[in-house]
C-alpha atoms as a PDB file:
ATOM      1  CA  UNK A   1       1.746 -13.066  -8.147  1.00  0.00           C
ATOM      2  CA  UNK A   2       3.394 -10.951 -11.255  1.00  0.00           C
ATOM      3  CA  UNK A   3       6.075  -9.626 -10.430  1.00  0.00           C
ATOM      4  CA  UNK A   4       5.485  -6.173 -11.598  1.00  0.00           C
ATOM      5  CA  UNK A   5       5.119  -2.165  -9.862  1.00  0.00           C
ATOM      6  CA  UNK A   6       3.397  -3.512  -6.834  1.00  0.00           C
ATOM      7  CA  UNK A   7       6.541  -6.012  -6.232  1.00  0.00           C
ATOM      8  CA  UNK A   8       9.348  -5.139  -8.194  1.00  0.00           C
ATOM      9  CA  UNK A   9      11.295  -4.351  -5.111  1.00  0.00           C
ATOM     10  CA  UNK A  10      10.966  -8.300  -3.715  1.00  0.00           C
ATOM     11  CA  UNK A  11      11.843  -9.402  -7.280  1.00  0.00           C
ATOM     12  CA  UNK A  12      14.928  -7.589  -7.358  1.00  0.00           C
ATOM     13  CA  UNK A  13      15.867  -8.009  -3.662  1.00  0.00           C
ATOM     14  CA  UNK A  14      15.840 -12.198  -4.831  1.00  0.00           C
ATOM     15  CA  UNK A  15      17.796 -11.599  -7.546  1.00  0.00           C
ATOM     16  CA  UNK A  16      20.448  -8.845  -6.061  1.00  0.00           C
ATOM     17  CA  UNK A  17      21.208 -11.461  -3.026  1.00  0.00           C
ATOM     18  CA  UNK A  18      23.868 -13.028  -5.606  1.00  0.00           C
ATOM     19  CA  UNK A  19      26.120 -10.374  -4.749  1.00  0.00           C
ATOM     20  CA  UNK A  20      26.098 -11.408  -1.190  1.00  0.00           C
ATOM     21  CA  UNK A  21      26.209 -14.518  -1.722  1.00  0.00           C
ATOM     22  CA  UNK A  22      29.343 -14.523  -4.053  1.00  0.00           C
ATOM     23  CA  UNK A  23      30.887 -12.641  -1.176  1.00  0.00           C
ATOM     24  CA  UNK A  24      30.169 -15.066   1.547  1.00  0.00           C
ATOM     25  CA  UNK A  25      31.402 -18.545  -1.004  1.00  0.00           C
ATOM     26  CA  UNK A  26      34.413 -17.119  -2.482  1.00  0.00           C
ATOM     27  CA  UNK A  27      36.832 -15.573   0.188  1.00  0.00           C
ATOM     28  CA  UNK A  28      37.475 -18.872   1.240  1.00  0.00           C
ATOM     29  CA  UNK A  29      37.737 -21.032  -2.019  1.00  0.00           C
ATOM     30  CA  UNK A  30      39.879 -17.955  -3.526  1.00  0.00           C
ATOM     31  CA  UNK A  31      42.296 -18.026  -0.434  1.00  0.00           C
ATOM     32  CA  UNK A  32      42.373 -21.638  -1.188  1.00  0.00           C
ATOM     33  CA  UNK A  33      43.384 -21.481  -4.592  1.00  0.00           C
ATOM     34  CA  UNK A  34      45.749 -18.850  -4.024  1.00  0.00           C
ATOM     35  CA  UNK A  35      48.255 -21.154  -2.288  1.00  0.00           C
ATOM     36  CA  UNK A  36      48.514 -23.473  -5.633  1.00  0.00           C
ATOM     37  CA  UNK A  37      52.083 -22.915  -6.413  1.00  0.00           C
ATOM     38  CA  UNK A  38      53.072 -21.261  -3.157  1.00  0.00           C
ATOM     39  CA  UNK A  39      55.138 -23.778  -1.565  1.00  0.00           C
ATOM     40  CA  UNK A  40      56.345 -27.640  -1.586  1.00  0.00           C
ATOM     41  CA  UNK A  41      53.041 -28.874  -0.371  1.00  0.00           C
ATOM     42  CA  UNK A  42      51.296 -26.685  -2.852  1.00  0.00           C
ATOM     43  CA  UNK A  43      53.168 -27.533  -6.208  1.00  0.00           C
ATOM     44  CA  UNK A  44      51.518 -25.676  -9.582  1.00  0.00           C
ATOM     45  CA  UNK A  45      49.091 -27.305 -11.311  1.00  0.00           C
ATOM     46  CA  UNK A  46      49.548 -27.275 -15.139  1.00  0.00           C
ATOM     47  CA  UNK A  47      52.489 -24.462 -14.890  1.00  0.00           C
ATOM     48  CA  UNK A  48      49.980 -22.028 -13.673  1.00  0.00           C
ATOM     49  CA  UNK A  49      49.944 -20.230  -9.766  1.00  0.00           C
ATOM     50  CA  UNK A  50      47.232 -19.648  -7.580  1.00  0.00           C
ATOM     51  CA  UNK A  51      46.305 -16.365  -8.736  1.00  0.00           C
ATOM     52  CA  UNK A  52      45.956 -17.717 -12.609  1.00  0.00           C
ATOM     53  CA  UNK A  53      43.668 -20.361 -11.033  1.00  0.00           C
ATOM     54  CA  UNK A  54      41.190 -18.101  -9.367  1.00  0.00           C
ATOM     55  CA  UNK A  55      40.818 -16.552 -12.408  1.00  0.00           C
ATOM     56  CA  UNK A  56      39.815 -19.462 -14.438  1.00  0.00           C
ATOM     57  CA  UNK A  57      37.920 -21.287 -11.298  1.00  0.00           C
ATOM     58  CA  UNK A  58      35.753 -18.140 -11.324  1.00  0.00           C
ATOM     59  CA  UNK A  59      35.318 -17.492 -15.224  1.00  0.00           C
ATOM     60  CA  UNK A  60      33.899 -20.743 -15.570  1.00  0.00           C
ATOM     61  CA  UNK A  61      30.746 -20.468 -13.989  1.00  0.00           C
ATOM     62  CA  UNK A  62      30.472 -17.193 -15.235  1.00  0.00           C
ATOM     63  CA  UNK A  63      31.128 -17.725 -19.217  1.00  0.00           C
ATOM     64  CA  UNK A  64      28.940 -21.071 -18.757  1.00  0.00           C
ATOM     65  CA  UNK A  65      25.609 -19.104 -17.362  1.00  0.00           C
ATOM     66  CA  UNK A  66      26.378 -16.823 -20.006  1.00  0.00           C
ATOM     67  CA  UNK A  67      25.314 -19.165 -22.685  1.00  0.00           C
ATOM     68  CA  UNK A  68      22.784 -20.375 -20.401  1.00  0.00           C
ATOM     69  CA  UNK A  69      21.010 -16.781 -19.825  1.00  0.00           C
ATOM     70  CA  UNK A  70      21.386 -16.796 -23.896  1.00  0.00           C
ATOM     71  CA  UNK A  71      19.511 -19.930 -24.067  1.00  0.00           C
ATOM     72  CA  UNK A  72      16.683 -19.657 -21.615  1.00  0.00           C
ATOM     73  CA  UNK A  73      16.425 -15.647 -21.426  1.00  0.00           C
ATOM     74  CA  UNK A  74      13.665 -14.492 -23.402  1.00  0.00           C
ATOM     75  CA  UNK A  75      12.689 -10.519 -24.453  1.00  0.00           C
ATOM     76  CA  UNK A  76       8.807 -10.942 -23.656  1.00  0.00           C
ATOM     77  CA  UNK A  77       6.541 -12.920 -21.707  1.00  0.00           C
ATOM     78  CA  UNK A  78       4.779 -14.790 -24.265  1.00  0.00           C
ATOM     79  CA  UNK A  79       8.272 -16.263 -25.592  1.00  0.00           C
ATOM     80  CA  UNK A  80       8.646 -17.681 -22.416  1.00  0.00           C
ATOM     81  CA  UNK A  81       7.844 -21.694 -23.061  1.00  0.00           C
ATOM     82  CA  UNK A  82       8.015 -22.060 -19.255  1.00  0.00           C
ATOM     83  CA  UNK A  83       4.749 -19.631 -19.151  1.00  0.00           C
ATOM     84  CA  UNK A  84       1.433 -21.122 -20.051  1.00  0.00           C
ATOM     85  CA  UNK A  85      -0.471 -19.235 -22.424  1.00  0.00           C
ATOM     86  CA  UNK A  86      -2.664 -17.822 -19.579  1.00  0.00           C
ATOM     87  CA  UNK A  87       0.162 -16.614 -17.320  1.00  0.00           C
ATOM     88  CA  UNK A  88       2.220 -15.107 -20.437  1.00  0.00           C
ATOM     89  CA  UNK A  89      -1.295 -12.980 -21.321  1.00  0.00           C
ATOM     90  CA  UNK A  90      -1.941 -12.217 -17.950  1.00  0.00           C
ATOM     91  CA  UNK A  91       1.637 -10.730 -17.775  1.00  0.00           C
ATOM     92  CA  UNK A  92       1.347  -8.784 -20.710  1.00  0.00           C
ATOM     93  CA  UNK A  93      -1.307  -7.156 -20.345  1.00  0.00           C
ATOM     94  CA  UNK A  94       0.115  -6.068 -16.943  1.00  0.00           C
ATOM     95  CA  UNK A  95       2.778  -4.657 -18.426  1.00  0.00           C
ATOM     96  CA  UNK A  96       0.949  -2.756 -20.832  1.00  0.00           C
ATOM     97  CA  UNK A  97      -1.290  -1.401 -17.718  1.00  0.00           C
ATOM     98  CA  UNK A  98       1.975   0.048 -16.377  1.00  0.00           C
ATOM     99  CA  UNK A  99       3.293   1.365 -19.481  1.00  0.00           C
ATOM    100  CA  UNK A 100       0.347   3.360 -19.446  1.00  0.00           C
ATOM    101  CA  UNK A 101       0.194   4.350 -16.135  1.00  0.00           C
ATOM    102  CA  UNK A 102       3.864   5.656 -16.614  1.00  0.00           C
ATOM    103  CA  UNK A 103       2.812   8.425 -19.397  1.00  0.00           C
ATOM    104  CA  UNK A 104       6.012  10.450 -19.114  1.00  0.00           C
ATOM    105  CA  UNK A 105       8.331   7.546 -19.820  1.00  0.00           C
ATOM    106  CA  UNK A 106       5.574   5.882 -22.508  1.00  0.00           C
ATOM    107  CA  UNK A 107       6.127   9.313 -24.237  1.00  0.00           C
ATOM    108  CA  UNK A 108       9.825   9.310 -24.445  1.00  0.00           C
ATOM    109  CA  UNK A 109      12.828   7.781 -26.411  1.00  0.00           C
ATOM    110  CA  UNK A 110      15.912   6.495 -25.442  1.00  0.00           C
ATOM    111  CA  UNK A 111      18.390   9.588 -25.604  1.00  0.00           C
ATOM    112  CA  UNK A 112      16.051  11.699 -24.250  1.00  0.00           C
ATOM    113  CA  UNK A 113      15.840   9.317 -21.128  1.00  0.00           C
ATOM    114  CA  UNK A 114      19.489   9.351 -21.265  1.00  0.00           C
ATOM    115  CA  UNK A 115      19.404  13.133 -20.946  1.00  0.00           C
ATOM    116  CA  UNK A 116      16.713  13.078 -18.420  1.00  0.00           C
ATOM    117  CA  UNK A 117      17.480  15.001 -15.049  1.00  0.00           C
ATOM    118  CA  UNK A 118      15.998  12.055 -13.032  1.00  0.00           C
ATOM    119  CA  UNK A 119      18.412   9.929 -14.481  1.00  0.00           C
ATOM    120  CA  UNK A 120      21.660  11.531 -13.927  1.00  0.00           C
ATOM    121  CA  UNK A 121      20.930  12.321 -10.354  1.00  0.00           C
ATOM    122  CA  UNK A 122      20.094   8.610  -9.825  1.00  0.00           C
ATOM    123  CA  UNK A 123      23.473   8.090 -11.307  1.00  0.00           C
ATOM    124  CA  UNK A 124      24.851  10.349  -9.171  1.00  0.00           C
ATOM    125  CA  UNK A 125      23.193   8.371  -6.312  1.00  0.00           C
ATOM    126  CA  UNK A 126      24.719   5.245  -7.005  1.00  0.00           C
ATOM    127  CA  UNK A 127      28.144   6.748  -7.844  1.00  0.00           C
ATOM    128  CA  UNK A 128      27.917   8.163  -4.041  1.00  0.00           C
ATOM    129  CA  UNK A 129      26.921   4.746  -2.590  1.00  0.00           C
ATOM    130  CA  UNK A 130      29.037   2.222  -4.522  1.00  0.00           C
ATOM    131  CA  UNK A 131      32.425   4.530  -3.802  1.00  0.00           C
ATOM    132  CA  UNK A 132      31.642   3.929   0.137  1.00  0.00           C
ATOM    133  CA  UNK A 133      30.516   0.300  -0.235  1.00  0.00           C
ATOM    134  CA  UNK A 134      33.078  -0.489  -2.598  1.00  0.00           C
ATOM    135  CA  UNK A 135      35.880   1.642  -0.908  1.00  0.00           C
ATOM    136  CA  UNK A 136      35.238  -0.774   2.395  1.00  0.00           C
ATOM    137  CA  UNK A 137      34.448  -4.252   0.743  1.00  0.00           C
ATOM    138  CA  UNK A 138      38.170  -3.849  -0.985  1.00  0.00           C
ATOM    139  CA  UNK A 139      39.316  -2.817   2.189  1.00  0.00           C
ATOM    140  CA  UNK A 140      38.060  -4.948   4.575  1.00  0.00           C
ATOM    141  CA  UNK A 141      40.284  -7.785   4.887  1.00  0.00           C
ATOM    142  CA  UNK A 142      43.218  -5.501   4.698  1.00  0.00           C
ATOM    143  CA  UNK A 143      41.735  -3.448   7.752  1.00  0.00           C
ATOM    144  CA  UNK A 144      41.111  -6.302   9.795  1.00  0.00           C
ATOM    145  CA  UNK A 145      44.859  -7.301   9.053  1.00  0.00           C
ATOM    146  CA  UNK A 146      46.238  -4.352   9.954  1.00  0.00           C
ATOM    147  CA  UNK A 147      43.931  -3.539  12.986  1.00  0.00           C
ATOM    148  CA  UNK A 148      44.279  -6.835  14.711  1.00  0.00           C
ATOM    149  CA  UNK A 149      47.046  -8.754  13.065  1.00  0.00           C
ATOM    150  CA  UNK A 150      45.554 -11.589  12.114  1.00  0.00           C
ATOM    151  CA  UNK A 151      46.696 -14.009   9.311  1.00  0.00           C
ATOM    152  CA  UNK A 152      44.887 -14.572   5.774  1.00  0.00           C
ATOM    153  CA  UNK A 153      43.116 -17.262   7.202  1.00  0.00           C
ATOM    154  CA  UNK A 154      41.581 -15.759  10.065  1.00  0.00           C
ATOM    155  CA  UNK A 155      40.384 -13.021   7.696  1.00  0.00           C
ATOM    156  CA  UNK A 156      38.858 -14.767   5.460  1.00  0.00           C
ATOM    157  CA  UNK A 157      36.516 -16.605   7.549  1.00  0.00           C
ATOM    158  CA  UNK A 158      35.516 -12.882   9.220  1.00  0.00           C
ATOM    159  CA  UNK A 159      34.791 -11.453   5.988  1.00  0.00           C
ATOM    160  CA  UNK A 160      32.036 -14.208   5.479  1.00  0.00           C
ATOM    161  CA  UNK A 161      30.115 -12.834   8.336  1.00  0.00           C
ATOM    162  CA  UNK A 162      29.049  -9.360   7.274  1.00  0.00           C
ATOM    163  CA  UNK A 163      27.699 -10.719   3.673  1.00  0.00           C
ATOM    164  CA  UNK A 164      25.108 -13.064   5.801  1.00  0.00           C
ATOM    165  CA  UNK A 165      23.528  -9.789   7.415  1.00  0.00           C
ATOM    166  CA  UNK A 166      23.897  -8.068   4.242  1.00  0.00           C
ATOM    167  CA  UNK A 167      21.584 -10.694   2.436  1.00  0.00           C
ATOM    168  CA  UNK A 168      19.088 -11.111   5.170  1.00  0.00           C
ATOM    169  CA  UNK A 169      18.590  -7.409   4.934  1.00  0.00           C
ATOM    170  CA  UNK A 170      18.462  -6.763   1.628  1.00  0.00           C
ATOM    171  CA  UNK A 171      15.513  -9.573   1.463  1.00  0.00           C
ATOM    172  CA  UNK A 172      13.409  -8.033   4.446  1.00  0.00           C
ATOM    173  CA  UNK A 173      13.869  -4.554   2.814  1.00  0.00           C
ATOM    174  CA  UNK A 174      12.787  -5.271  -0.713  1.00  0.00           C
ATOM    175  CA  UNK A 175       9.550  -7.205   0.954  1.00  0.00           C
ATOM    176  CA  UNK A 176       9.216  -4.623   3.188  1.00  0.00           C
ATOM    177  CA  UNK A 177       9.130  -1.797   0.475  1.00  0.00           C
ATOM    178  CA  UNK A 178       6.533  -4.062  -1.487  1.00  0.00           C
ATOM    179  CA  UNK A 179       3.875  -4.438   1.913  1.00  0.00           C
ATOM    180  CA  UNK A 180       4.062  -0.625   2.087  1.00  0.00           C
ATOM    181  CA  UNK A 181       4.622   0.207  -1.474  1.00  0.00           C
ATOM    182  CA  UNK A 182       7.194   2.740  -0.141  1.00  0.00           C
ATOM    183  CA  UNK A 183      10.698   3.201  -2.171  1.00  0.00           C
ATOM    184  CA  UNK A 184      12.111   6.467  -0.823  1.00  0.00           C
ATOM    185  CA  UNK A 185      12.224   5.798   2.824  1.00  0.00           C
ATOM    186  CA  UNK A 186      13.766   2.064   2.011  1.00  0.00           C
ATOM    187  CA  UNK A 187      16.717   3.773   0.195  1.00  0.00           C
ATOM    188  CA  UNK A 188      17.480   6.642   2.324  1.00  0.00           C
ATOM    189  CA  UNK A 189      17.583   4.738   5.560  1.00  0.00           C
ATOM    190  CA  UNK A 190      19.836   1.848   4.328  1.00  0.00           C
ATOM    191  CA  UNK A 191      22.122   4.393   3.178  1.00  0.00           C
ATOM    192  CA  UNK A 192      22.643   6.155   6.376  1.00  0.00           C
ATOM    193  CA  UNK A 193      22.272   3.339   7.884  1.00  0.00           C
ATOM    194  CA  UNK A 194      25.642   2.379   5.874  1.00  0.00           C
ATOM    195  CA  UNK A 195      26.878   5.961   6.381  1.00  0.00           C
ATOM    196  CA  UNK A 196      27.000   5.593  10.227  1.00  0.00           C
ATOM    197  CA  UNK A 197      28.433   2.275  10.323  1.00  0.00           C
ATOM    198  CA  UNK A 198      31.406   3.796   8.603  1.00  0.00           C
ATOM    199  CA  UNK A 199      31.416   6.569  10.499  1.00  0.00           C
ATOM    200  CA  UNK A 200      31.711   4.751  13.773  1.00  0.00           C
ATOM    201  CA  UNK A 201      34.569   2.464  12.760  1.00  0.00           C
ATOM    202  CA  UNK A 202      37.658   4.024  13.267  1.00  0.00           C
ATOM    203  CA  UNK A 203      36.137   4.681  17.202  1.00  0.00           C
ATOM    204  CA  UNK A 204      35.955   0.995  17.449  1.00  0.00           C
ATOM    205  CA  UNK A 205      39.600  -0.261  16.409  1.00  0.00           C
ATOM    206  CA  UNK A 206      41.269  -2.110  18.967  1.00  0.00           C
ATOM    207  CA  UNK A 207      37.348  -3.578  19.779  1.00  0.00           C
ATOM    208  CA  UNK A 208      36.961  -6.494  17.340  1.00  0.00           C
ATOM    209  CA  UNK A 209      33.206  -7.203  18.134  1.00  0.00           C
ATOM    210  CA  UNK A 210      32.218  -3.770  17.163  1.00  0.00           C
ATOM    211  CA  UNK A 211      34.353  -3.665  14.010  1.00  0.00           C
ATOM    212  CA  UNK A 212      32.544  -6.521  13.081  1.00  0.00           C
ATOM    213  CA  UNK A 213      29.649  -4.930  14.259  1.00  0.00           C
ATOM    214  CA  UNK A 214      30.359  -1.876  11.954  1.00  0.00           C
ATOM    215  CA  UNK A 215      30.976  -4.095   9.368  1.00  0.00           C
ATOM    216  CA  UNK A 216      27.853  -5.796   9.365  1.00  0.00           C
ATOM    217  CA  UNK A 217      25.361  -3.018   9.505  1.00  0.00           C
ATOM    218  CA  UNK A 218      27.362  -1.138   6.683  1.00  0.00           C
ATOM    219  CA  UNK A 219      26.981  -4.424   4.717  1.00  0.00           C
ATOM    220  CA  UNK A 220      23.383  -4.579   5.349  1.00  0.00           C
ATOM    221  CA  UNK A 221      23.264  -0.764   4.308  1.00  0.00           C
ATOM    222  CA  UNK A 222      25.058  -1.066   1.369  1.00  0.00           C
ATOM    223  CA  UNK A 223      22.458  -4.165   0.182  1.00  0.00           C
ATOM    224  CA  UNK A 224      19.524  -3.055   1.384  1.00  0.00           C
ATOM    225  CA  UNK A 225      18.724  -0.103  -0.161  1.00  0.00           C
ATOM    226  CA  UNK A 226      19.455  -1.992  -3.673  1.00  0.00           C
ATOM    227  CA  UNK A 227      15.773  -3.265  -4.304  1.00  0.00           C
ATOM    228  CA  UNK A 228      14.141   0.164  -3.664  1.00  0.00           C
ATOM    229  CA  UNK A 229      16.666   2.438  -5.594  1.00  0.00           C
ATOM    230  CA  UNK A 230      16.376  -0.051  -8.653  1.00  0.00           C
ATOM    231  CA  UNK A 231      12.843   0.786  -8.635  1.00  0.00           C
ATOM    232  CA  UNK A 232      13.402   4.372  -8.925  1.00  0.00           C
ATOM    233  CA  UNK A 233      13.723   4.483 -12.562  1.00  0.00           C
ATOM    234  CA  UNK A 234      10.570   2.485 -13.452  1.00  0.00           C
ATOM    235  CA  UNK A 235       8.621   5.025 -11.906  1.00  0.00           C
ATOM    236  CA  UNK A 236       8.631   7.590 -14.533  1.00  0.00           C
ATOM    237  CA  UNK A 237      10.227   5.387 -17.610  1.00  0.00           C
ATOM    238  CA  UNK A 238       9.150   2.252 -19.206  1.00  0.00           C
ATOM    239  CA  UNK A 239      10.637  -0.066 -22.249  1.00  0.00           C
ATOM    240  CA  UNK A 240      13.625   0.779 -23.785  1.00  0.00           C
ATOM    241  CA  UNK A 241      14.148   3.934 -22.092  1.00  0.00           C
ATOM    242  CA  UNK A 242      13.784   2.534 -18.386  1.00  0.00           C
ATOM    243  CA  UNK A 243      16.329  -0.745 -20.047  1.00  0.00           C
ATOM    244  CA  UNK A 244      19.104   2.528 -21.589  1.00  0.00           C
ATOM    245  CA  UNK A 245      18.834   4.832 -18.279  1.00  0.00           C
ATOM    246  CA  UNK A 246      19.619   1.778 -16.020  1.00  0.00           C
ATOM    247  CA  UNK A 247      22.536   0.608 -18.027  1.00  0.00           C
ATOM    248  CA  UNK A 248      23.472   4.265 -17.939  1.00  0.00           C
ATOM    249  CA  UNK A 249      22.909   4.765 -14.065  1.00  0.00           C
ATOM    250  CA  UNK A 250      24.734   1.048 -13.396  1.00  0.00           C
ATOM    251  CA  UNK A 251      28.177   2.483 -15.491  1.00  0.00           C
ATOM    252  CA  UNK A 252      27.857   6.007 -14.396  1.00  0.00           C
ATOM    253  CA  UNK A 253      27.957   4.355 -10.659  1.00  0.00           C
ATOM    254  CA  UNK A 254      30.190   1.724 -10.955  1.00  0.00           C
ATOM    255  CA  UNK A 255      33.281   4.563 -11.746  1.00  0.00           C
ATOM    256  CA  UNK A 256      32.396   4.797  -7.847  1.00  0.00           C
ATOM    257  CA  UNK A 257      33.957   1.170  -7.632  1.00  0.00           C
ATOM    258  CA  UNK A 258      37.326   2.892  -8.713  1.00  0.00           C
ATOM    259  CA  UNK A 259      37.339   5.912  -6.784  1.00  0.00           C
ATOM    260  CA  UNK A 260      36.130   4.470  -3.410  1.00  0.00           C
ATOM    261  CA  UNK A 261      39.110   2.068  -2.855  1.00  0.00           C
ATOM    262  CA  UNK A 262      41.468   4.306  -4.812  1.00  0.00           C
ATOM    263  CA  UNK A 263      41.153   7.454  -2.139  1.00  0.00           C
ATOM    264  CA  UNK A 264      40.981   4.867   0.542  1.00  0.00           C
ATOM    265  CA  UNK A 265      43.950   3.736  -0.310  1.00  0.00           C
ATOM    266  CA  UNK A 266      45.880   6.762  -0.930  1.00  0.00           C
ATOM    267  CA  UNK A 267      44.512   8.021   2.727  1.00  0.00           C
ATOM    268  CA  UNK A 268      46.075   4.755   4.217  1.00  0.00           C
ATOM    269  CA  UNK A 269      49.438   5.073   2.061  1.00  0.00           C
ATOM    270  CA  UNK A 270      49.744   8.997   2.991  1.00  0.00           C
ATOM    271  CA  UNK A 271      48.752   8.851   6.747  1.00  0.00           C
ATOM    272  CA  UNK A 272      49.592   5.268   7.934  1.00  0.00           C
ATOM    273  CA  UNK A 273      46.072   4.769   8.951  1.00  0.00           C
ATOM    274  CA  UNK A 274      42.617   4.016   7.407  1.00  0.00           C
ATOM    275  CA  UNK A 275      40.631   6.714   9.641  1.00  0.00           C
ATOM    276  CA  UNK A 276      40.322   9.597   6.928  1.00  0.00           C
ATOM    277  CA  UNK A 277      40.004   7.197   4.317  1.00  0.00           C
ATOM    278  CA  UNK A 278      36.711   5.806   6.349  1.00  0.00           C
ATOM    279  CA  UNK A 279      35.210   8.957   6.959  1.00  0.00           C
ATOM    280  CA  UNK A 280      35.554   9.643   3.418  1.00  0.00           C
ATOM    281  CA  UNK A 281      33.249   6.981   2.337  1.00  0.00           C
ATOM    282  CA  UNK A 282      30.635   7.762   4.974  1.00  0.00           C
ATOM    283  CA  UNK A 283      30.427  11.334   3.399  1.00  0.00           C
ATOM    284  CA  UNK A 284      29.916   9.729  -0.034  1.00  0.00           C
ATOM    285  CA  UNK A 285      27.371   7.838   1.411  1.00  0.00           C
ATOM    286  CA  UNK A 286      25.710  10.232   3.319  1.00  0.00           C
ATOM    287  CA  UNK A 287      25.465  12.910   0.345  1.00  0.00           C
ATOM    288  CA  UNK A 288      23.547  10.348  -1.622  1.00  0.00           C
ATOM    289  CA  UNK A 289      20.837   9.797   1.197  1.00  0.00           C
ATOM    290  CA  UNK A 290      20.813  13.254   1.104  1.00  0.00           C
ATOM    291  CA  UNK A 291      20.428  13.856  -2.532  1.00  0.00           C
ATOM    292  CA  UNK A 292      17.582  11.655  -2.658  1.00  0.00           C
ATOM    293  CA  UNK A 293      16.207  12.882   0.365  1.00  0.00           C
ATOM    294  CA  UNK A 294      15.772  17.008  -0.728  1.00  0.00           C
ATOM    295  CA  UNK A 295      15.364  16.376  -4.208  1.00  0.00           C
ATOM    296  CA  UNK A 296      12.547  14.165  -3.590  1.00  0.00           C
ATOM    297  CA  UNK A 297      13.856  11.223  -5.697  1.00  0.00           C
ATOM    298  CA  UNK A 298      10.967   8.590  -5.240  1.00  0.00           C
ATOM    299  CA  UNK A 299       8.519  10.691  -4.643  1.00  0.00           C
ATOM    300  CA  UNK A 300       5.247   8.879  -5.756  1.00  0.00           C
ATOM    301  CA  UNK A 301       1.691   7.880  -5.454  1.00  0.00           C
ATOM    302  CA  UNK A 302       1.524   4.215  -4.638  1.00  0.00           C
ATOM    303  CA  UNK A 303       1.815   1.970  -7.130  1.00  0.00           C
ATOM    304  CA  UNK A 304      -1.075  -0.238  -7.894  1.00  0.00           C
ATOM    305  CA  UNK A 305      -0.799  -4.131  -6.996  1.00  0.00           C
ATOM    306  CA  UNK A 306      -0.067  -6.443  -9.518  1.00  0.00           C
ATOM    307  CA  UNK A 307      -2.593  -8.637 -11.332  1.00  0.00           C
ATOM    308  CA  UNK A 308      -2.800 -11.887 -10.005  1.00  0.00           C
ATOM    309  CA  UNK A 309      -1.127 -14.373 -11.900  1.00  0.00           C
ATOM    310  CA  UNK A 310       1.135 -17.749 -11.579  1.00  0.00           C
ATOM    311  CA  UNK A 311       4.698 -17.091 -12.436  1.00  0.00           C
ATOM    312  CA  UNK A 312       7.676 -19.013 -12.435  1.00  0.00           C
ATOM    313  CA  UNK A 313      10.839 -17.152 -10.400  1.00  0.00           C
ATOM    314  CA  UNK A 314      12.814 -14.417 -12.370  1.00  0.00           C
ATOM    315  CA  UNK A 315      10.272 -13.498 -14.557  1.00  0.00           C
ATOM    316  CA  UNK A 316      10.025  -9.737 -13.118  1.00  0.00           C
ATOM    317  CA  UNK A 317      11.398  -7.789 -16.713  1.00  0.00           C
ATOM    318  CA  UNK A 318      10.225  -7.741 -19.883  1.00  0.00           C
END
């Protein structure tokens, strides 16, 4: 099947699970790397300490994959050597039909799209959700260590659990969004779930099972809204306008990745508690869900199912 308008959320979910997968794998590996140069049992390697090896170790696959993408990722289906002529033609035809259906995006240039009110609202929504998600993701180890007097080894095992739930939730949310051809509530409900989990988390202090339950629900919410959310721009934009707008939304939104951890850290430093900061993160997520609801973001006709054609994985973008 073509992974276009009708099944875009599922394709996005498959792509986006890379983040929780990395969050599952990286804590324990990074913990072991950080031991290098820390004592006589873990001497420095090539004169470099553990924190330096963390950068080297994780940079190598990122740089290598950059070259793979440069060589293998094409701009258009007809340029993909791993597609047959029939497959590429079917995809090109479906993309053209999608562009024709999105009339507003077809008329809009890149600069106009970047100034479009819906694009700016989506940037605000993403900013608020990233504020909440990054805040707890960065401080989850510190919270567990502070509340339960754990050592780093114990913490690194526990923080691998929420991303597992998040990965499952993201895949299920993407599949559900495509099955019911609905985007709006598939973004609102997970964001509200994340907000509620963060708001309830202060009441679980001293009860590890409940704290972990809140963290799992929060992570599931943070990740599960994304397939539907990243389908929003393509509801009213296409081509270069859509690509540029997605870049702008991502750039503005990721500023929340600075604000969330900064505020949570500041509140903890000033009050000696994470409670106020957790309420702030919860409120930020609530604002995001409210904007989607009250402004009707994603309220649109049902998208037409994609044309049938065999397609290798990863071919949803043009």
